[in-house]
Amino acid sequence: MADLSTIGNGNTGQAIAAVVGRGRHTVQFLGVSDAPTTATGDIAVLAARPMPSGREGLGHPAPMA
């Protein structure tokens, strides 16, 4: 079995975790509100949408078009 780390725990991260969980693999969620943590999975998946650069982007998701 593999351990998976998802960087982003929104809709995409949850959907990936649901599929992976069916195969009895473990999933570690890393979200923006978590304290700095090291991804410990055998596989890491970036499941986050881009954020604007600079001061205005800190802690605020980019607007969706």
PDB file of N, CA and C in Angstrom:
ATOM      1  N   MET A   1       0.834  -1.177   0.000  1.00  0.00           N
ATOM      2  CA  MET A   1       0.000   0.000   0.000  1.00  0.00           C
ATOM      3  C   MET A   1       0.877   1.239   0.000  1.00  0.00           C
ATOM      4  N   ALA A   2       0.361   2.289  -0.580  1.00  0.00           N
ATOM      5  CA  ALA A   2       1.103   3.544  -0.667  1.00  0.00           C
ATOM      6  C   ALA A   2       0.478   4.584   0.261  1.00  0.00           C
ATOM      7  N   ASP A   3       1.304   5.486   0.712  1.00  0.00           N
ATOM      8  CA  ASP A   3       0.845   6.636   1.479  1.00  0.00           C
ATOM      9  C   ASP A   3       0.852   7.831   0.532  1.00  0.00           C
ATOM     10  N   LEU A   4      -0.215   8.611   0.555  1.00  0.00           N
ATOM     11  CA  LEU A   4      -0.362   9.748  -0.337  1.00  0.00           C
ATOM     12  C   LEU A   4      -0.487  11.014   0.480  1.00  0.00           C
ATOM     13  N   SER A   5       0.206  12.061   0.072  1.00  0.00           N
ATOM     14  CA  SER A   5       0.057  13.383   0.686  1.00  0.00           C
ATOM     15  C   SER A   5      -0.585  14.290  -0.343  1.00  0.00           C
ATOM     16  N   THR A   6      -1.716  14.915  -0.005  1.00  0.00           N
ATOM     17  CA  THR A   6      -2.337  15.883  -0.896  1.00  0.00           C
ATOM     18  C   THR A   6      -2.095  17.274  -0.348  1.00  0.00           C
ATOM     19  N   ILE A   7      -1.542  18.115  -1.186  1.00  0.00           N
ATOM     20  CA  ILE A   7      -1.316  19.510  -0.828  1.00  0.00           C
ATOM     21  C   ILE A   7      -2.520  20.258  -1.368  1.00  0.00           C
ATOM     22  N   GLY A   8      -3.449  20.538  -0.485  1.00  0.00           N
ATOM     23  CA  GLY A   8      -4.735  21.116  -0.845  1.00  0.00           C
ATOM     24  C   GLY A   8      -5.825  20.154  -0.404  1.00  0.00           C
ATOM     25  N   ASN A   9      -6.705  20.619   0.458  1.00  0.00           N
ATOM     26  CA  ASN A   9      -7.744  19.737   0.974  1.00  0.00           C
ATOM     27  C   ASN A   9      -9.145  20.214   0.600  1.00  0.00           C
ATOM     28  N   GLY A  10      -9.236  20.857  -0.556  1.00  0.00           N
ATOM     29  CA  GLY A  10     -10.537  21.305  -1.060  1.00  0.00           C
ATOM     30  C   GLY A  10     -11.203  20.210  -1.881  1.00  0.00           C
ATOM     31  N   ASN A  11     -12.012  20.609  -2.845  1.00  0.00           N
ATOM     32  CA  ASN A  11     -12.769  19.648  -3.655  1.00  0.00           C
ATOM     33  C   ASN A  11     -11.876  18.655  -4.381  1.00  0.00           C
ATOM     34  N   THR A  12     -10.818  19.146  -5.013  1.00  0.00           N
ATOM     35  CA  THR A  12      -9.933  18.257  -5.766  1.00  0.00           C
ATOM     36  C   THR A  12      -9.202  17.296  -4.840  1.00  0.00           C
ATOM     37  N   GLY A  13      -8.657  17.813  -3.746  1.00  0.00           N
ATOM     38  CA  GLY A  13      -7.962  16.955  -2.786  1.00  0.00           C
ATOM     39  C   GLY A  13      -8.872  15.902  -2.188  1.00  0.00           C
ATOM     40  N   GLN A  14     -10.112  16.286  -1.882  1.00  0.00           N
ATOM     41  CA  GLN A  14     -11.078  15.339  -1.317  1.00  0.00           C
ATOM     42  C   GLN A  14     -11.446  14.254  -2.327  1.00  0.00           C
ATOM     43  N   ALA A  15     -11.601  14.646  -3.594  1.00  0.00           N
ATOM     44  CA  ALA A  15     -11.947  13.667  -4.630  1.00  0.00           C
ATOM     45  C   ALA A  15     -10.810  12.669  -4.841  1.00  0.00           C
ATOM     46  N   ILE A  16      -9.600  13.161  -4.871  1.00  0.00           N
ATOM     47  CA  ILE A  16      -8.441  12.273  -5.026  1.00  0.00           C
ATOM     48  C   ILE A  16      -8.361  11.325  -3.833  1.00  0.00           C
ATOM     49  N   ALA A  17      -8.561  11.845  -2.633  1.00  0.00           N
ATOM     50  CA  ALA A  17      -8.498  11.016  -1.422  1.00  0.00           C
ATOM     51  C   ALA A  17      -9.572   9.938  -1.424  1.00  0.00           C
ATOM     52  N   ALA A  18     -10.757  10.256  -1.944  1.00  0.00           N
ATOM     53  CA  ALA A  18     -11.830   9.268  -1.991  1.00  0.00           C
ATOM     54  C   ALA A  18     -11.454   8.088  -2.881  1.00  0.00           C
ATOM     55  N   VAL A  19     -10.872   8.380  -4.027  1.00  0.00           N
ATOM     56  CA  VAL A  19     -10.467   7.317  -4.953  1.00  0.00           C
ATOM     57  C   VAL A  19      -9.315   6.504  -4.354  1.00  0.00           C
ATOM     58  N   VAL A  20      -8.337   7.194  -3.809  1.00  0.00           N
ATOM     59  CA  VAL A  20      -7.177   6.519  -3.216  1.00  0.00           C
ATOM     60  C   VAL A  20      -7.608   5.675  -2.018  1.00  0.00           C
ATOM     61  N   GLY A  21      -8.540   6.189  -1.224  1.00  0.00           N
ATOM     62  CA  GLY A  21      -9.012   5.467  -0.043  1.00  0.00           C
ATOM     63  C   GLY A  21      -9.698   4.160  -0.382  1.00  0.00           C
ATOM     64  N   ARG A  22     -10.326   4.091  -1.552  1.00  0.00           N
ATOM     65  CA  ARG A  22     -10.972   2.845  -1.962  1.00  0.00           C
ATOM     66  C   ARG A  22      -9.954   1.725  -2.140  1.00  0.00           C
ATOM     67  N   GLY A  23      -8.723   2.101  -2.438  1.00  0.00           N
ATOM     68  CA  GLY A  23      -7.658   1.114  -2.591  1.00  0.00           C
ATOM     69  C   GLY A  23      -6.926   0.829  -1.289  1.00  0.00           C
ATOM     70  N   ARG A  24      -7.498   1.288  -0.195  1.00  0.00           N
ATOM     71  CA  ARG A  24      -6.950   1.080   1.150  1.00  0.00           C
ATOM     72  C   ARG A  24      -5.571   1.725   1.352  1.00  0.00           C
ATOM     73  N   HIS A  25      -5.339   2.805   0.656  1.00  0.00           N
ATOM     74  CA  HIS A  25      -4.117   3.581   0.857  1.00  0.00           C
ATOM     75  C   HIS A  25      -4.411   4.673   1.881  1.00  0.00           C
ATOM     76  N   THR A  26      -3.395   5.163   2.537  1.00  0.00           N
ATOM     77  CA  THR A  26      -3.591   6.233   3.511  1.00  0.00           C
ATOM     78  C   THR A  26      -3.346   7.584   2.849  1.00  0.00           C
ATOM     79  N   VAL A  27      -4.042   8.606   3.346  1.00  0.00           N
ATOM     80  CA  VAL A  27      -3.952   9.947   2.781  1.00  0.00           C
ATOM     81  C   VAL A  27      -3.652  10.945   3.890  1.00  0.00           C
ATOM     82  N   GLN A  28      -2.686  11.814   3.642  1.00  0.00           N
ATOM     83  CA  GLN A  28      -2.357  12.921   4.538  1.00  0.00           C
ATOM     84  C   GLN A  28      -2.798  14.200   3.828  1.00  0.00           C
ATOM     85  N   PHE A  29      -3.629  15.013   4.491  1.00  0.00           N
ATOM     86  CA  PHE A  29      -4.066  16.283   3.919  1.00  0.00           C
ATOM     87  C   PHE A  29      -3.200  17.412   4.452  1.00  0.00           C
ATOM     88  N   LEU A  30      -2.760  18.281   3.563  1.00  0.00           N
ATOM     89  CA  LEU A  30      -2.020  19.479   3.945  1.00  0.00           C
ATOM     90  C   LEU A  30      -2.763  20.671   3.356  1.00  0.00           C
ATOM     91  N   GLY A  31      -3.333  21.515   4.221  1.00  0.00           N
ATOM     92  CA  GLY A  31      -4.099  22.667   3.768  1.00  0.00           C
ATOM     93  C   GLY A  31      -3.442  23.966   4.172  1.00  0.00           C
ATOM     94  N   VAL A  32      -3.981  25.048   3.654  1.00  0.00           N
ATOM     95  CA  VAL A  32      -3.409  26.362   3.887  1.00  0.00           C
ATOM     96  C   VAL A  32      -3.485  26.765   5.366  1.00  0.00           C
ATOM     97  N   SER A  33      -4.456  26.261   6.092  1.00  0.00           N
ATOM     98  CA  SER A  33      -4.598  26.637   7.500  1.00  0.00           C
ATOM     99  C   SER A  33      -3.785  25.744   8.441  1.00  0.00           C
ATOM    100  N   ASP A  34      -3.117  24.714   7.898  1.00  0.00           N
ATOM    101  CA  ASP A  34      -2.291  23.835   8.729  1.00  0.00           C
ATOM    102  C   ASP A  34      -0.963  24.500   9.064  1.00  0.00           C
ATOM    103  N   ALA A  35      -0.406  24.127  10.204  1.00  0.00           N
ATOM    104  CA  ALA A  35       0.936  24.575  10.547  1.00  0.00           C
ATOM    105  C   ALA A  35       1.906  23.968   9.538  1.00  0.00           C
ATOM    106  N   PRO A  36       3.049  24.591   9.316  1.00  0.00           N
ATOM    107  CA  PRO A  36       4.014  24.011   8.374  1.00  0.00           C
ATOM    108  C   PRO A  36       4.311  22.552   8.734  1.00  0.00           C
ATOM    109  N   THR A  37       4.090  21.678   7.796  1.00  0.00           N
ATOM    110  CA  THR A  37       4.230  20.244   7.997  1.00  0.00           C
ATOM    111  C   THR A  37       4.920  19.633   6.793  1.00  0.00           C
ATOM    112  N   THR A  38       5.693  18.630   7.006  1.00  0.00           N
ATOM    113  CA  THR A  38       6.354  17.920   5.915  1.00  0.00           C
ATOM    114  C   THR A  38       5.419  16.875   5.341  1.00  0.00           C
ATOM    115  N   ALA A  39       5.352  16.808   4.019  1.00  0.00           N
ATOM    116  CA  ALA A  39       4.576  15.759   3.357  1.00  0.00           C
ATOM    117  C   ALA A  39       5.296  14.438   3.591  1.00  0.00           C
ATOM    118  N   THR A  40       4.590  13.474   4.152  1.00  0.00           N
ATOM    119  CA  THR A  40       5.218  12.207   4.518  1.00  0.00           C
ATOM    120  C   THR A  40       4.851  11.052   3.600  1.00  0.00           C
ATOM    121  N   GLY A  41       4.012  11.304   2.611  1.00  0.00           N
ATOM    122  CA  GLY A  41       3.547  10.229   1.731  1.00  0.00           C
ATOM    123  C   GLY A  41       4.605   9.773   0.749  1.00  0.00           C
ATOM    124  N   ASP A  42       4.393   8.565   0.227  1.00  0.00           N
ATOM    125  CA  ASP A  42       5.245   8.053  -0.840  1.00  0.00           C
ATOM    126  C   ASP A  42       5.010   8.855  -2.120  1.00  0.00           C
ATOM    127  N   ILE A  43       3.800   9.377  -2.252  1.00  0.00           N
ATOM    128  CA  ILE A  43       3.392  10.164  -3.413  1.00  0.00           C
ATOM    129  C   ILE A  43       2.820  11.477  -2.894  1.00  0.00           C
ATOM    130  N   ALA A  44       3.196  12.590  -3.524  1.00  0.00           N
ATOM    131  CA  ALA A  44       2.636  13.898  -3.167  1.00  0.00           C
ATOM    132  C   ALA A  44       1.882  14.442  -4.372  1.00  0.00           C
ATOM    133  N   VAL A  45       0.663  14.934  -4.123  1.00  0.00           N
ATOM    134  CA  VAL A  45      -0.178  15.481  -5.190  1.00  0.00           C
ATOM    135  C   VAL A  45      -0.491  16.931  -4.856  1.00  0.00           C
ATOM    136  N   LEU A  46      -0.211  17.824  -5.799  1.00  0.00           N
ATOM    137  CA  LEU A  46      -0.568  19.225  -5.628  1.00  0.00           C
ATOM    138  C   LEU A  46      -1.987  19.408  -6.137  1.00  0.00           C
ATOM    139  N   ALA A  47      -2.918  19.643  -5.231  1.00  0.00           N
ATOM    140  CA  ALA A  47      -4.339  19.770  -5.575  1.00  0.00           C
ATOM    141  C   ALA A  47      -4.845  21.123  -5.099  1.00  0.00           C
ATOM    142  N   ALA A  48      -4.155  22.177  -5.480  1.00  0.00           N
ATOM    143  CA  ALA A  48      -4.512  23.523  -5.043  1.00  0.00           C
ATOM    144  C   ALA A  48      -4.523  24.449  -6.251  1.00  0.00           C
ATOM    145  N   ARG A  49      -5.424  25.401  -6.234  1.00  0.00           N
ATOM    146  CA  ARG A  49      -5.439  26.356  -7.337  1.00  0.00           C
ATOM    147  C   ARG A  49      -4.428  27.453  -7.077  1.00  0.00           C
ATOM    148  N   PRO A  50      -3.913  28.060  -8.126  1.00  0.00           N
ATOM    149  CA  PRO A  50      -2.889  29.107  -7.966  1.00  0.00           C
ATOM    150  C   PRO A  50      -3.419  30.306  -7.194  1.00  0.00           C
ATOM    151  N   MET A  51      -2.531  30.943  -6.485  1.00  0.00           N
ATOM    152  CA  MET A  51      -2.884  32.156  -5.758  1.00  0.00           C
ATOM    153  C   MET A  51      -2.076  33.305  -6.360  1.00  0.00           C
ATOM    154  N   PRO A  52      -2.607  34.519  -6.311  1.00  0.00           N
ATOM    155  CA  PRO A  52      -1.845  35.653  -6.852  1.00  0.00           C
ATOM    156  C   PRO A  52      -0.578  35.874  -6.049  1.00  0.00           C
ATOM    157  N   SER A  53       0.434  36.367  -6.714  1.00  0.00           N
ATOM    158  CA  SER A  53       1.684  36.639  -6.005  1.00  0.00           C
ATOM    159  C   SER A  53       1.579  37.970  -5.276  1.00  0.00           C
ATOM    160  N   GLY A  54       2.452  38.170  -4.354  1.00  0.00           N
ATOM    161  CA  GLY A  54       2.500  39.434  -3.636  1.00  0.00           C
ATOM    162  C   GLY A  54       1.639  39.445  -2.395  1.00  0.00           C
ATOM    163  N   ARG A  55       1.625  40.571  -1.740  1.00  0.00           N
ATOM    164  CA  ARG A  55       0.962  40.748  -0.456  1.00  0.00           C
ATOM    165  C   ARG A  55      -0.540  40.470  -0.507  1.00  0.00           C
ATOM    166  N   GLU A  56      -1.201  40.829  -1.617  1.00  0.00           N
ATOM    167  CA  GLU A  56      -2.649  40.652  -1.691  1.00  0.00           C
ATOM    168  C   GLU A  56      -3.046  39.187  -1.744  1.00  0.00           C
ATOM    169  N   GLY A  57      -2.123  38.291  -2.077  1.00  0.00           N
ATOM    170  CA  GLY A  57      -2.436  36.887  -2.191  1.00  0.00           C
ATOM    171  C   GLY A  57      -2.291  36.087  -0.913  1.00  0.00           C
ATOM    172  N   LEU A  58      -1.730  36.665   0.109  1.00  0.00           N
ATOM    173  CA  LEU A  58      -1.468  35.922   1.331  1.00  0.00           C
ATOM    174  C   LEU A  58      -2.759  35.550   2.032  1.00  0.00           C
ATOM    175  N   GLY A  59      -3.059  34.251   2.084  1.00  0.00           N
ATOM    176  CA  GLY A  59      -4.206  33.766   2.813  1.00  0.00           C
ATOM    177  C   GLY A  59      -5.539  33.940   2.112  1.00  0.00           C
ATOM    178  N   HIS A  60      -5.530  34.422   0.876  1.00  0.00           N
ATOM    179  CA  HIS A  60      -6.774  34.628   0.155  1.00  0.00           C
ATOM    180  C   HIS A  60      -6.696  33.908  -1.182  1.00  0.00           C
ATOM    181  N   PRO A  61      -7.615  33.003  -1.467  1.00  0.00           N
ATOM    182  CA  PRO A  61      -7.582  32.292  -2.740  1.00  0.00           C
ATOM    183  C   PRO A  61      -7.821  33.236  -3.911  1.00  0.00           C
ATOM    184  N   ALA A  62      -7.270  32.868  -5.051  1.00  0.00           N
ATOM    185  CA  ALA A  62      -7.453  33.658  -6.258  1.00  0.00           C
ATOM    186  C   ALA A  62      -8.918  33.588  -6.693  1.00  0.00           C
ATOM    187  N   PRO A  63      -9.455  34.675  -7.220  1.00  0.00           N
ATOM    188  CA  PRO A  63     -10.833  34.634  -7.703  1.00  0.00           C
ATOM    189  C   PRO A  63     -10.953  33.680  -8.880  1.00  0.00           C
ATOM    190  N   MET A  64     -12.071  32.968  -8.943  1.00  0.00           N
ATOM    191  CA  MET A  64     -12.286  32.045 -10.050  1.00  0.00           C
ATOM    192  C   MET A  64     -12.980  32.802 -11.183  1.00  0.00           C
ATOM    193  N   ALA A  65     -12.543  32.538 -12.393  1.00  0.00           N
ATOM    194  CA  ALA A  65     -13.121  33.224 -13.556  1.00  0.00           C
ATOM    195  C   ALA A  65     -14.390  32.539 -14.003  1.00  0.00           C
TER     196      ALA A  65
END
